[in-house]
Amino acid sequence: MSEIQFKYFYGTEADTFTFYRIPKLLVTHSYFDNVSNDAKMLYGLMLDRMSLSAKNGWFDEENRVFIKFSIKDAMKLLKIGKNKAIKLFAELDTVDGVGLIERKNQGQGKPAVIYVKSFMSEVLNSNRFENETTSGSDIKPLEVSKANTNKNKYNNTLNELDANPIDSELKGYELLIRKNLEIDALIERDPYDSELYEGIYELVLETVLFQGESMVIASSRYPMNLIRSKFMKLNIHHVEYVVESLRSTTSKVKNIKKYMLTMLFNAPTTISSYYIAEVNHDMAAGL
């Protein structure tokens, strides 16, 4: 079998791939040092399965989303044996492991359902938080500062955000989200749109810090674990995509803030298809 010669990436071609999501803190934070890389990969696979569960309406009586992910699923996807798969589940669960998943038996021979736990706020609040914006320096516990909601230009972004105002902002979230979105780089490159970029940053931050269990986006209600996961995945390419889509919109947008919230929520899913369509259009035009 001849060796495949792989090509280089050009421009934003990397965004055409579909990715499994493994949160950065799962790799960089000392709390998870004893969790194996295989277990972290398994958590990423389960986190990816959350989107399918939400679409299927798999919520319990408390509106918590759950997934169906068996030992056989892990064996197949990770190409491992049964004993290794059982060990990885144990590493993640709330009984013997770090507590990233909770398995609940349904009885009567039915497979157990799994709740994938959100750990971001707990980790960022812990005194073991390692600030990703520094290089190996000792980090003290995060300070929690009061948010002045009266001065926030996105007070009226969503009725739900207004009904449940954010009482405090975690400094760690501010740093992490601003770094993920590369807001300062966008402003330096395009200073005339600095207010737009700052507005997107504030909207993402407010949504991530929203304390409710669920939120309505584009007429559909989603659990906050899913929304928070999607928003923490956003990066500079998603911001550029949202801004580009906003500029190309010809119809009148009645509620620009709700529109942007929907765009940001859908960006990780739709960005690849958008750029593939753009490339196909350009190729067709050049023929």
Protein backbone atom coordinates (compact mmCIF):
# COMPACT_ATOMS: atom_id res chain seq x y z
CA MET A 1 0.00 0.00 0.00
CA SER A 2 1.54 3.29 -1.09
CA GLU A 3 1.93 6.10 1.43
CA ILE A 4 -0.61 8.90 1.12
CA GLN A 5 0.85 12.34 0.50
CA PHE A 6 -1.25 14.76 2.55
CA LYS A 7 -1.73 18.37 1.49
CA TYR A 8 -1.13 21.62 3.37
CA PHE A 9 -3.93 23.73 4.82
CA TYR A 10 -4.62 27.05 3.11
CA GLY A 11 -6.62 29.93 4.56
CA THR A 12 -9.56 28.66 6.64
CA GLU A 13 -9.66 25.17 5.10
CA ALA A 14 -9.17 23.56 8.52
CA ASP A 15 -12.67 24.73 9.46
CA THR A 16 -14.19 22.40 6.87
CA PHE A 17 -13.48 19.42 9.15
CA THR A 18 -15.90 18.07 11.72
CA PHE A 19 -14.26 17.97 15.14
CA TYR A 20 -14.81 16.18 18.40
CA ARG A 21 -14.70 18.62 21.32
CA ILE A 22 -12.32 18.19 24.23
CA PRO A 23 -12.41 21.26 26.53
CA LYS A 24 -9.02 22.93 26.94
CA LEU A 25 -9.24 22.94 30.73
CA LEU A 26 -9.56 19.17 30.66
CA VAL A 27 -6.02 19.13 29.27
CA THR A 28 -4.44 22.13 31.02
CA HIS A 29 -5.95 22.13 34.52
CA SER A 30 -4.12 20.28 37.29
CA TYR A 31 -7.41 18.91 38.68
CA PHE A 32 -7.53 16.50 35.72
CA ASP A 33 -3.85 15.46 35.78
CA ASN A 34 -4.73 11.95 36.94
CA VAL A 35 -7.33 11.44 34.22
CA SER A 36 -5.89 9.47 31.30
CA ASN A 37 -5.84 10.92 27.80
CA ASP A 38 -8.10 8.06 26.65
CA ALA A 39 -10.67 8.99 29.29
CA LYS A 40 -10.51 12.64 28.21
CA MET A 41 -11.11 11.51 24.64
CA LEU A 42 -14.10 9.47 25.80
CA TYR A 43 -15.51 12.55 27.54
CA GLY A 44 -15.14 14.44 24.25
CA LEU A 45 -17.08 11.73 22.42
CA MET A 46 -19.83 11.89 25.00
CA LEU A 47 -19.93 15.68 24.84
CA ASP A 48 -20.37 15.44 21.09
CA ARG A 49 -23.29 13.04 21.61
CA MET A 50 -25.07 15.76 23.65
CA SER A 51 -26.15 17.61 20.51
CA LEU A 52 -27.89 14.51 19.17
CA SER A 53 -29.63 13.96 22.50
CA ALA A 54 -30.93 17.54 22.54
CA LYS A 55 -32.30 17.14 19.00
CA ASN A 56 -33.99 13.87 20.02
CA GLY A 57 -35.56 15.56 23.04
CA TRP A 58 -33.81 13.34 25.56
CA PHE A 59 -34.48 15.38 28.70
CA ASP A 60 -35.46 14.05 32.11
CA GLU A 61 -38.20 15.42 34.37
CA GLU A 62 -35.81 18.14 35.57
CA ASN A 63 -35.00 19.22 31.99
CA ARG A 64 -31.49 17.76 32.21
CA VAL A 65 -30.18 16.37 28.94
CA PHE A 66 -28.85 12.81 28.97
CA ILE A 67 -27.13 10.59 26.42
CA LYS A 68 -27.14 6.91 25.55
CA PHE A 69 -23.54 5.75 25.25
CA SER A 70 -22.67 2.14 25.91
CA ILE A 71 -19.47 0.25 26.64
CA LYS A 72 -19.76 -1.18 23.12
CA ASP A 73 -19.90 2.37 21.69
CA ALA A 74 -16.63 3.20 23.44
CA MET A 75 -15.03 -0.03 22.26
CA LYS A 76 -16.00 0.69 18.66
CA LEU A 77 -15.05 4.38 18.54
CA LEU A 78 -11.81 4.13 20.51
CA LYS A 79 -10.78 0.72 19.07
CA ILE A 80 -10.26 -0.75 22.54
CA GLY A 81 -11.23 -3.89 24.43
CA LYS A 82 -14.07 -4.27 26.91
CA ASN A 83 -11.91 -4.13 30.04
CA LYS A 84 -10.23 -0.93 28.89
CA ALA A 85 -13.61 0.65 28.08
CA ILE A 86 -14.95 -0.23 31.54
CA LYS A 87 -11.85 1.32 33.12
CA LEU A 88 -12.32 4.56 31.17
CA PHE A 89 -15.96 4.83 32.23
CA ALA A 90 -14.86 4.33 35.84
CA GLU A 91 -12.29 7.12 35.50
CA LEU A 92 -15.02 9.56 34.50
CA ASP A 93 -17.97 8.58 36.68
CA THR A 94 -19.15 9.96 40.01
CA VAL A 95 -18.66 6.70 41.91
CA ASP A 96 -15.00 5.79 41.35
CA GLY A 97 -13.75 8.59 39.14
CA VAL A 98 -13.44 12.34 38.74
CA GLY A 99 -17.20 12.96 38.42
CA LEU A 100 -17.44 14.12 34.81
CA ILE A 101 -20.28 11.71 34.05
CA GLU A 102 -23.11 10.19 36.07
CA ARG A 103 -24.59 6.84 35.06
CA LYS A 104 -28.19 6.09 35.98
CA ASN A 105 -29.65 2.61 35.64
CA GLN A 106 -33.14 2.39 34.16
CA GLY A 107 -33.80 -1.17 35.27
CA GLN A 108 -35.68 -3.97 33.47
CA GLY A 109 -32.69 -4.74 31.27
CA LYS A 110 -32.60 -1.28 29.73
CA PRO A 111 -29.18 0.33 29.14
CA ALA A 112 -28.08 3.00 31.59
CA VAL A 113 -28.37 6.64 30.59
CA ILE A 114 -25.48 9.02 31.14
CA TYR A 115 -25.47 12.61 32.31
CA VAL A 116 -22.41 14.44 31.00
CA LYS A 117 -21.40 16.95 33.68
CA SER A 118 -20.41 20.57 33.07
CA PHE A 119 -17.29 21.43 35.07
CA MET A 120 -16.25 24.90 33.83
CA SER A 121 -17.56 27.13 36.63
CA GLU A 122 -16.44 24.78 39.41
CA VAL A 123 -12.93 24.52 37.98
CA LEU A 124 -12.61 28.25 37.39
CA ASN A 125 -13.70 28.89 40.99
CA SER A 126 -11.21 26.45 42.49
CA ASN A 127 -7.95 27.62 43.99
CA ARG A 128 -6.13 25.27 41.65
CA PHE A 129 -7.12 27.18 38.50
CA GLU A 130 -4.17 27.60 36.15
CA ASN A 131 -4.66 30.76 34.11
CA GLU A 132 -4.17 29.91 30.44
CA THR A 133 -3.09 33.48 29.67
CA THR A 134 0.07 33.18 31.79
CA SER A 135 3.14 31.03 31.31
CA GLY A 136 3.63 28.78 34.31
CA SER A 137 3.18 31.49 36.95
CA ASP A 138 1.48 30.74 40.28
CA ILE A 139 -2.18 31.72 40.15
CA LYS A 140 -4.18 32.77 43.20
CA PRO A 141 -7.90 31.96 43.60
CA LEU A 142 -10.08 33.92 41.24
CA GLU A 143 -11.79 37.02 42.53
CA VAL A 144 -15.48 37.48 41.81
CA SER A 145 -16.45 41.02 40.84
CA LYS A 146 -19.92 42.54 40.81
CA ALA A 147 -21.32 43.27 37.37
CA ASN A 148 -22.91 46.69 36.81
CA THR A 149 -25.89 45.61 34.76
CA ASN A 150 -27.15 49.19 34.41
CA LYS A 151 -24.12 50.13 32.34
CA ASN A 152 -24.16 47.04 30.18
CA LYS A 153 -25.30 47.88 26.66
CA TYR A 154 -26.61 44.34 26.27
CA ASN A 155 -29.06 44.56 29.20
CA ASN A 156 -31.96 44.00 26.82
CA THR A 157 -30.31 41.27 24.74
CA LEU A 158 -32.83 38.65 25.84
CA ASN A 159 -35.83 38.80 28.12
CA GLU A 160 -34.52 35.72 29.92
CA LEU A 161 -31.22 37.42 30.63
CA ASP A 162 -33.10 40.40 32.04
CA ALA A 163 -35.34 38.19 34.19
CA ASN A 164 -32.29 36.49 35.71
CA PRO A 165 -29.58 39.20 35.86
CA ILE A 166 -26.03 38.02 36.32
CA ASP A 167 -24.99 38.79 39.88
CA SER A 168 -21.28 38.27 39.34
CA GLU A 169 -18.74 37.64 36.63
CA LEU A 170 -15.90 35.20 36.94
CA LYS A 171 -12.66 36.80 35.90
CA GLY A 172 -11.53 33.47 34.51
CA TYR A 173 -14.44 33.40 32.06
CA GLU A 174 -13.68 36.95 30.92
CA LEU A 175 -10.05 36.09 30.17
CA LEU A 176 -10.79 32.71 28.60
CA ILE A 177 -13.62 33.89 26.33
CA ARG A 178 -11.73 37.00 25.22
CA LYS A 179 -8.73 34.81 24.41
CA ASN A 180 -10.82 32.19 22.58
CA LEU A 181 -12.50 34.84 20.41
CA GLU A 182 -9.24 36.81 19.91
CA ILE A 183 -11.22 40.03 20.31
CA ASP A 184 -8.16 42.24 20.72
CA ALA A 185 -6.66 40.92 17.48
CA LEU A 186 -9.93 41.57 15.63
CA ILE A 187 -10.11 45.13 16.97
CA GLU A 188 -6.48 45.82 16.07
CA ARG A 189 -7.10 44.60 12.54
CA ASP A 190 -10.48 46.33 12.14
CA PRO A 191 -10.73 49.22 14.66
CA TYR A 192 -13.78 50.77 12.98
CA ASP A 193 -15.85 47.75 14.05
CA SER A 194 -14.46 47.61 17.60
CA GLU A 195 -17.88 48.24 19.16
CA LEU A 196 -19.36 45.35 17.19
CA TYR A 197 -16.61 42.96 18.32
CA GLU A 198 -16.90 44.11 21.93
CA GLY A 199 -20.67 43.60 21.71
CA ILE A 200 -20.23 40.04 20.48
CA TYR A 201 -17.76 39.35 23.30
CA GLU A 202 -20.18 40.71 25.93
CA LEU A 203 -23.08 38.72 24.49
CA VAL A 204 -21.06 35.48 24.59
CA LEU A 205 -19.91 36.24 28.14
CA GLU A 206 -23.41 37.02 29.40
CA THR A 207 -24.82 33.88 27.84
CA VAL A 208 -22.12 31.66 29.34
CA LEU A 209 -22.71 33.19 32.78
CA PHE A 210 -26.52 32.92 32.58
CA GLN A 211 -27.68 31.07 35.69
CA GLY A 212 -30.90 29.49 34.39
CA GLU A 213 -31.22 25.81 33.51
CA SER A 214 -32.32 26.48 29.93
CA MET A 215 -32.77 29.26 27.39
CA VAL A 216 -34.84 29.85 24.27
CA ILE A 217 -32.82 30.39 21.10
CA ALA A 218 -34.55 30.74 17.73
CA SER A 219 -37.89 29.62 19.21
CA SER A 220 -36.43 26.41 20.64
CA ARG A 221 -35.51 25.78 24.27
CA TYR A 222 -32.10 24.26 24.94
CA PRO A 223 -30.42 23.21 28.21
CA MET A 224 -27.74 25.64 29.38
CA ASN A 225 -25.13 22.87 29.48
CA LEU A 226 -25.47 22.50 25.72
CA ILE A 227 -25.57 26.25 25.06
CA ARG A 228 -22.58 26.91 27.31
CA SER A 229 -20.63 24.12 25.62
CA LYS A 230 -21.29 25.59 22.17
CA PHE A 231 -20.38 29.14 23.23
CA MET A 232 -17.15 28.05 24.91
CA LYS A 233 -16.20 26.41 21.61
CA LEU A 234 -16.42 29.69 19.66
CA ASN A 235 -13.23 31.15 18.22
CA ILE A 236 -12.08 34.00 15.99
CA HIS A 237 -13.27 32.24 12.81
CA HIS A 238 -16.79 31.96 14.20
CA VAL A 239 -16.82 35.67 15.06
CA GLU A 240 -15.66 36.54 11.54
CA TYR A 241 -18.33 34.24 10.12
CA VAL A 242 -21.09 35.86 12.18
CA VAL A 243 -19.95 39.39 11.24
CA GLU A 244 -19.69 38.44 7.57
CA SER A 245 -23.17 36.89 7.65
CA LEU A 246 -24.54 39.98 9.38
CA ARG A 247 -23.08 42.26 6.71
CA SER A 248 -24.47 40.14 3.90
CA THR A 249 -28.00 40.08 5.33
CA THR A 250 -30.32 42.13 3.11
CA SER A 251 -33.59 41.63 5.00
CA LYS A 252 -34.44 43.81 7.99
CA VAL A 253 -33.56 42.25 11.32
CA LYS A 254 -36.14 43.23 13.96
CA ASN A 255 -34.15 42.09 16.98
CA ILE A 256 -30.45 42.26 16.16
CA LYS A 257 -29.34 40.87 19.52
CA LYS A 258 -31.51 37.76 19.32
CA TYR A 259 -30.39 37.34 15.72
CA MET A 260 -26.72 37.45 16.75
CA LEU A 261 -27.36 35.04 19.62
CA THR A 262 -28.86 32.55 17.17
CA MET A 263 -25.96 33.02 14.74
CA LEU A 264 -23.39 32.42 17.49
CA PHE A 265 -25.25 29.34 18.73
CA ASN A 266 -25.38 27.83 15.23
CA ALA A 267 -21.90 28.95 14.12
CA PRO A 268 -19.97 25.78 15.16
CA THR A 269 -22.45 23.69 13.15
CA THR A 270 -22.98 25.86 10.06
CA ILE A 271 -19.58 27.46 9.46
CA SER A 272 -18.14 24.52 7.52
CA SER A 273 -21.10 24.29 5.15
CA TYR A 274 -21.00 28.06 4.61
CA TYR A 275 -17.36 28.14 3.52
CA ILE A 276 -17.70 25.01 1.41
CA ALA A 277 -20.58 26.72 -0.43
CA GLU A 278 -18.45 29.85 -0.86
CA VAL A 279 -15.56 27.84 -2.31
CA ASN A 280 -17.90 25.99 -4.68
CA HIS A 281 -19.41 29.30 -5.79
CA ASP A 282 -15.99 30.82 -6.49
CA MET A 283 -14.85 27.73 -8.39
CA ALA A 284 -18.01 27.75 -10.49
CA ALA A 285 -17.60 31.45 -11.24
CA GLY A 286 -14.04 30.87 -12.39
CA LEU A 287 -14.97 28.19 -14.90
